Amino acid sequence: MPSPMRHRPTDPHLEDQLTKYRQRRHRQLIERRVRAKLHHTPDEASEIIQFALTWSPYGGAPDDEIFVRFGMTRERFAQCLGDILHDRSLATGSHQLPPSRRHR
């Protein structure tokens, strides 16, 4: 049985289009993997929110507490918390905290 041959387009324009498509598709796959790694699981997200709520009356958690608990700096924790809250507000359609949770 003859081995299957891979047919290559003979049109240089078509070959160029295929190359560009493959490169674009490869970039999209990499970006999707990176975005997936940045997102937290629902349990992690809930834990981050609960931690922030627990410490909010005291002006936020100490840097060392954030690092020990989550392995990140205060700045990274704040970014993660903001991303989680933003994602949840988009998912639920609510763009404001309920009055009981607003800082006075």
N, C-alpha and C. Protein backbone atom coordinates (compact mmCIF):
# COMPACT_ATOMS: atom_id res chain seq x y z
N MET A 1 0.84 -1.17 0.00
CA MET A 1 0.00 0.00 0.00
C MET A 1 0.89 1.24 0.00
N PRO A 2 0.65 2.14 -0.91
CA PRO A 2 1.50 3.33 -0.97
C PRO A 2 1.26 4.23 0.25
N SER A 3 2.32 4.87 0.68
CA SER A 3 2.19 5.78 1.83
C SER A 3 1.42 7.03 1.40
N PRO A 4 0.60 7.54 2.31
CA PRO A 4 -0.18 8.73 1.94
C PRO A 4 0.76 9.91 1.76
N MET A 5 0.55 10.60 0.68
CA MET A 5 1.36 11.78 0.40
C MET A 5 0.63 13.02 0.87
N ARG A 6 1.38 13.91 1.39
CA ARG A 6 0.81 15.18 1.80
C ARG A 6 0.84 16.11 0.60
N HIS A 7 -0.32 16.54 0.21
CA HIS A 7 -0.40 17.42 -0.95
C HIS A 7 -0.13 18.85 -0.54
N ARG A 8 0.76 19.47 -1.22
CA ARG A 8 1.10 20.86 -0.96
C ARG A 8 0.49 21.70 -2.06
N PRO A 9 -0.05 22.84 -1.70
CA PRO A 9 -0.61 23.70 -2.75
C PRO A 9 0.50 24.19 -3.67
N THR A 10 0.17 24.28 -4.93
CA THR A 10 1.16 24.76 -5.89
C THR A 10 1.09 26.26 -6.06
N ASP A 11 0.01 26.86 -5.63
CA ASP A 11 -0.15 28.31 -5.73
C ASP A 11 0.58 28.99 -4.56
N PRO A 12 1.58 29.83 -4.85
CA PRO A 12 2.33 30.50 -3.77
C PRO A 12 1.42 31.37 -2.89
N HIS A 13 0.41 31.98 -3.48
CA HIS A 13 -0.51 32.81 -2.71
C HIS A 13 -1.28 31.96 -1.70
N LEU A 14 -1.73 30.80 -2.12
CA LEU A 14 -2.45 29.89 -1.24
C LEU A 14 -1.52 29.38 -0.13
N GLU A 15 -0.30 29.06 -0.48
CA GLU A 15 0.68 28.61 0.52
C GLU A 15 0.91 29.70 1.56
N ASP A 16 1.01 30.94 1.13
CA ASP A 16 1.19 32.06 2.04
C ASP A 16 -0.02 32.21 2.97
N GLN A 17 -1.21 32.07 2.44
CA GLN A 17 -2.43 32.16 3.25
C GLN A 17 -2.47 31.05 4.30
N LEU A 18 -2.10 29.84 3.90
CA LEU A 18 -2.07 28.72 4.85
C LEU A 18 -1.05 28.95 5.97
N THR A 19 0.10 29.46 5.61
CA THR A 19 1.13 29.74 6.61
C THR A 19 0.64 30.78 7.60
N LYS A 20 0.04 31.84 7.09
CA LYS A 20 -0.48 32.89 7.98
C LYS A 20 -1.60 32.36 8.86
N TYR A 21 -2.46 31.52 8.32
CA TYR A 21 -3.54 30.92 9.12
C TYR A 21 -2.96 30.07 10.24
N ARG A 22 -1.98 29.23 9.92
CA ARG A 22 -1.38 28.36 10.93
C ARG A 22 -0.71 29.18 12.04
N GLN A 23 -0.01 30.24 11.63
CA GLN A 23 0.64 31.09 12.63
C GLN A 23 -0.39 31.77 13.53
N ARG A 24 -1.46 32.30 12.94
CA ARG A 24 -2.52 32.96 13.71
C ARG A 24 -3.18 31.96 14.65
N ARG A 25 -3.46 30.78 14.16
CA ARG A 25 -4.10 29.74 14.98
C ARG A 25 -3.20 29.33 16.14
N HIS A 26 -1.92 29.21 15.87
CA HIS A 26 -0.96 28.86 16.92
C HIS A 26 -0.92 29.94 18.00
N ARG A 27 -0.89 31.22 17.60
CA ARG A 27 -0.92 32.32 18.57
C ARG A 27 -2.19 32.30 19.40
N GLN A 28 -3.33 32.03 18.76
CA GLN A 28 -4.60 31.98 19.48
C GLN A 28 -4.61 30.87 20.52
N LEU A 29 -4.07 29.72 20.17
CA LEU A 29 -4.01 28.60 21.12
C LEU A 29 -3.12 28.93 22.32
N ILE A 30 -2.00 29.57 22.07
CA ILE A 30 -1.11 29.96 23.16
C ILE A 30 -1.80 30.98 24.06
N GLU A 31 -2.45 31.99 23.46
CA GLU A 31 -3.15 33.00 24.25
C GLU A 31 -4.26 32.38 25.09
N ARG A 32 -4.97 31.42 24.53
CA ARG A 32 -6.05 30.75 25.26
C ARG A 32 -5.48 29.98 26.47
N ARG A 33 -4.34 29.33 26.27
CA ARG A 33 -3.72 28.60 27.38
C ARG A 33 -3.26 29.56 28.48
N VAL A 34 -2.70 30.69 28.08
CA VAL A 34 -2.25 31.68 29.07
C VAL A 34 -3.44 32.22 29.85
N ARG A 35 -4.52 32.57 29.15
CA ARG A 35 -5.72 33.08 29.84
C ARG A 35 -6.29 32.04 30.79
N ALA A 36 -6.27 30.78 30.40
CA ALA A 36 -6.80 29.72 31.26
C ALA A 36 -5.98 29.60 32.54
N LYS A 37 -4.68 29.81 32.46
CA LYS A 37 -3.83 29.72 33.65
C LYS A 37 -4.05 30.90 34.58
N LEU A 38 -4.48 32.03 34.05
CA LEU A 38 -4.68 33.21 34.88
C LEU A 38 -5.97 33.15 35.67
N HIS A 39 -6.92 32.39 35.21
CA HIS A 39 -8.20 32.32 35.89
C HIS A 39 -8.14 31.37 37.07
N HIS A 40 -8.90 31.71 38.08
CA HIS A 40 -8.96 30.89 39.28
C HIS A 40 -10.16 29.96 39.22
N THR A 41 -10.03 28.83 39.90
CA THR A 41 -11.18 27.93 40.02
C THR A 41 -12.22 28.62 40.89
N PRO A 42 -13.47 28.18 40.82
CA PRO A 42 -14.50 28.79 41.66
C PRO A 42 -14.16 28.74 43.15
N ASP A 43 -13.55 27.63 43.61
CA ASP A 43 -13.16 27.54 45.02
C ASP A 43 -12.08 28.55 45.37
N GLU A 44 -11.07 28.69 44.51
CA GLU A 44 -10.01 29.67 44.75
C GLU A 44 -10.57 31.08 44.76
N ALA A 45 -11.44 31.36 43.81
CA ALA A 45 -12.04 32.69 43.72
C ALA A 45 -12.84 33.00 44.98
N SER A 46 -13.63 32.05 45.44
CA SER A 46 -14.42 32.25 46.65
C SER A 46 -13.52 32.45 47.86
N GLU A 47 -12.42 31.71 47.91
CA GLU A 47 -11.48 31.85 49.03
C GLU A 47 -10.84 33.23 49.03
N ILE A 48 -10.47 33.72 47.87
CA ILE A 48 -9.87 35.05 47.77
C ILE A 48 -10.87 36.12 48.19
N ILE A 49 -12.10 36.00 47.72
CA ILE A 49 -13.13 36.98 48.10
C ILE A 49 -13.38 36.93 49.60
N GLN A 50 -13.53 35.75 50.16
CA GLN A 50 -13.79 35.62 51.60
C GLN A 50 -12.64 36.19 52.42
N PHE A 51 -11.42 35.92 51.99
CA PHE A 51 -10.23 36.45 52.68
C PHE A 51 -10.25 37.97 52.66
N ALA A 52 -10.54 38.55 51.51
CA ALA A 52 -10.59 40.02 51.39
C ALA A 52 -11.69 40.60 52.28
N LEU A 53 -12.85 39.96 52.30
CA LEU A 53 -13.95 40.44 53.14
C LEU A 53 -13.60 40.34 54.63
N THR A 54 -12.93 39.28 55.01
CA THR A 54 -12.54 39.10 56.41
C THR A 54 -11.60 40.21 56.87
N TRP A 55 -10.65 40.57 56.01
CA TRP A 55 -9.65 41.56 56.39
C TRP A 55 -10.06 43.00 56.07
N SER A 56 -11.10 43.21 55.30
CA SER A 56 -11.46 44.57 54.88
C SER A 56 -11.74 45.53 56.04
N PRO A 57 -12.37 45.10 57.15
CA PRO A 57 -12.59 46.06 58.25
C PRO A 57 -11.29 46.56 58.88
N TYR A 58 -10.19 45.85 58.64
CA TYR A 58 -8.91 46.21 59.24
C TYR A 58 -7.97 46.88 58.24
N GLY A 59 -8.50 47.33 57.13
CA GLY A 59 -7.68 47.98 56.12
C GLY A 59 -6.97 47.02 55.20
N GLY A 60 -7.37 45.78 55.20
CA GLY A 60 -6.75 44.77 54.34
C GLY A 60 -5.80 43.89 55.13
N ALA A 61 -5.46 42.78 54.55
CA ALA A 61 -4.56 41.82 55.20
C ALA A 61 -3.12 42.30 55.14
N PRO A 62 -2.31 41.91 56.12
CA PRO A 62 -0.88 42.22 56.05
C PRO A 62 -0.24 41.49 54.86
N ASP A 63 0.81 42.10 54.35
CA ASP A 63 1.51 41.52 53.20
C ASP A 63 1.94 40.07 53.44
N ASP A 64 2.50 39.81 54.64
CA ASP A 64 2.98 38.46 54.90
C ASP A 64 1.84 37.45 54.97
N GLU A 65 0.68 37.87 55.45
CA GLU A 65 -0.48 36.97 55.51
C GLU A 65 -0.95 36.61 54.10
N ILE A 66 -0.96 37.59 53.21
CA ILE A 66 -1.34 37.35 51.81
C ILE A 66 -0.34 36.39 51.17
N PHE A 67 0.94 36.63 51.42
CA PHE A 67 1.96 35.79 50.80
C PHE A 67 1.89 34.36 51.31
N VAL A 68 1.74 34.19 52.62
CA VAL A 68 1.68 32.84 53.19
C VAL A 68 0.45 32.10 52.68
N ARG A 69 -0.67 32.79 52.61
CA ARG A 69 -1.93 32.14 52.23
C ARG A 69 -2.02 31.85 50.73
N PHE A 70 -1.59 32.83 49.91
CA PHE A 70 -1.80 32.70 48.46
C PHE A 70 -0.51 32.70 47.64
N GLY A 71 0.63 32.98 48.27
CA GLY A 71 1.90 32.96 47.54
C GLY A 71 2.04 34.08 46.55
N MET A 72 1.47 35.24 46.88
CA MET A 72 1.56 36.38 45.96
C MET A 72 1.71 37.67 46.75
N THR A 73 2.15 38.70 46.05
CA THR A 73 2.29 40.01 46.67
C THR A 73 0.93 40.66 46.84
N ARG A 74 0.89 41.73 47.63
CA ARG A 74 -0.35 42.48 47.82
C ARG A 74 -0.88 43.01 46.48
N GLU A 75 0.03 43.50 45.65
CA GLU A 75 -0.39 44.05 44.35
C GLU A 75 -1.02 42.96 43.48
N ARG A 76 -0.39 41.79 43.45
CA ARG A 76 -0.93 40.68 42.65
C ARG A 76 -2.26 40.21 43.22
N PHE A 77 -2.38 40.17 44.55
CA PHE A 77 -3.63 39.78 45.20
C PHE A 77 -4.74 40.76 44.81
N ALA A 78 -4.43 42.05 44.88
CA ALA A 78 -5.43 43.07 44.52
C ALA A 78 -5.86 42.92 43.06
N GLN A 79 -4.90 42.61 42.18
CA GLN A 79 -5.22 42.41 40.77
C GLN A 79 -6.11 41.19 40.59
N CYS A 80 -5.79 40.09 41.27
CA CYS A 80 -6.60 38.87 41.19
C CYS A 80 -8.01 39.13 41.71
N LEU A 81 -8.10 39.81 42.84
CA LEU A 81 -9.41 40.12 43.42
C LEU A 81 -10.23 40.98 42.46
N GLY A 82 -9.60 41.98 41.88
CA GLY A 82 -10.29 42.83 40.91
C GLY A 82 -10.77 42.05 39.70
N ASP A 83 -9.92 41.15 39.20
CA ASP A 83 -10.30 40.33 38.05
C ASP A 83 -11.48 39.42 38.38
N ILE A 84 -11.43 38.82 39.57
CA ILE A 84 -12.50 37.91 39.99
C ILE A 84 -13.82 38.67 40.11
N LEU A 85 -13.77 39.83 40.77
CA LEU A 85 -14.99 40.62 40.94
C LEU A 85 -15.52 41.11 39.60
N HIS A 86 -14.62 41.49 38.71
CA HIS A 86 -15.04 41.94 37.38
C HIS A 86 -15.70 40.80 36.61
N ASP A 87 -15.06 39.63 36.63
CA ASP A 87 -15.63 38.47 35.93
C ASP A 87 -16.99 38.10 36.50
N ARG A 88 -17.12 38.14 37.81
CA ARG A 88 -18.41 37.79 38.43
C ARG A 88 -19.48 38.82 38.12
N SER A 89 -19.10 40.10 38.08
CA SER A 89 -20.11 41.12 37.78
C SER A 89 -20.59 40.98 36.35
N LEU A 90 -19.69 40.60 35.45
CA LEU A 90 -20.11 40.38 34.06
C LEU A 90 -21.00 39.15 33.96
N ALA A 91 -20.67 38.11 34.72
CA ALA A 91 -21.44 36.87 34.66
C ALA A 91 -22.83 37.04 35.23
N THR A 92 -22.96 37.84 36.27
CA THR A 92 -24.27 38.00 36.92
C THR A 92 -25.03 39.20 36.40
N GLY A 93 -24.33 40.07 35.68
CA GLY A 93 -24.99 41.28 35.18
C GLY A 93 -25.08 42.37 36.23
N SER A 94 -24.52 42.14 37.41
CA SER A 94 -24.53 43.18 38.44
C SER A 94 -23.19 43.88 38.42
N HIS A 95 -23.23 45.17 38.34
CA HIS A 95 -22.00 45.94 38.25
C HIS A 95 -21.74 46.76 39.50
N GLN A 96 -22.54 46.55 40.54
CA GLN A 96 -22.34 47.27 41.79
C GLN A 96 -22.44 46.29 42.94
N LEU A 97 -21.73 46.61 44.00
CA LEU A 97 -21.86 45.82 45.22
C LEU A 97 -23.20 46.14 45.87
N PRO A 98 -23.77 45.19 46.56
CA PRO A 98 -24.99 45.49 47.29
C PRO A 98 -24.70 46.52 48.38
N PRO A 99 -25.68 47.33 48.76
CA PRO A 99 -25.43 48.39 49.75
C PRO A 99 -24.78 47.89 51.03
N SER A 100 -25.09 46.68 51.46
CA SER A 100 -24.51 46.16 52.70
C SER A 100 -23.01 45.90 52.58
N ARG A 101 -22.48 45.79 51.35
CA ARG A 101 -21.06 45.50 51.15
C ARG A 101 -20.26 46.72 50.70
N ARG A 102 -20.90 47.84 50.49
CA ARG A 102 -20.19 49.04 50.03
C ARG A 102 -19.42 49.66 51.18
N HIS A 103 -18.22 50.14 50.86
CA HIS A 103 -17.39 50.81 51.86
C HIS A 103 -17.98 52.18 52.14
N ARG A 104 -18.10 52.52 53.39
CA ARG A 104 -18.69 53.82 53.76
C ARG A 104 -17.63 54.78 54.17
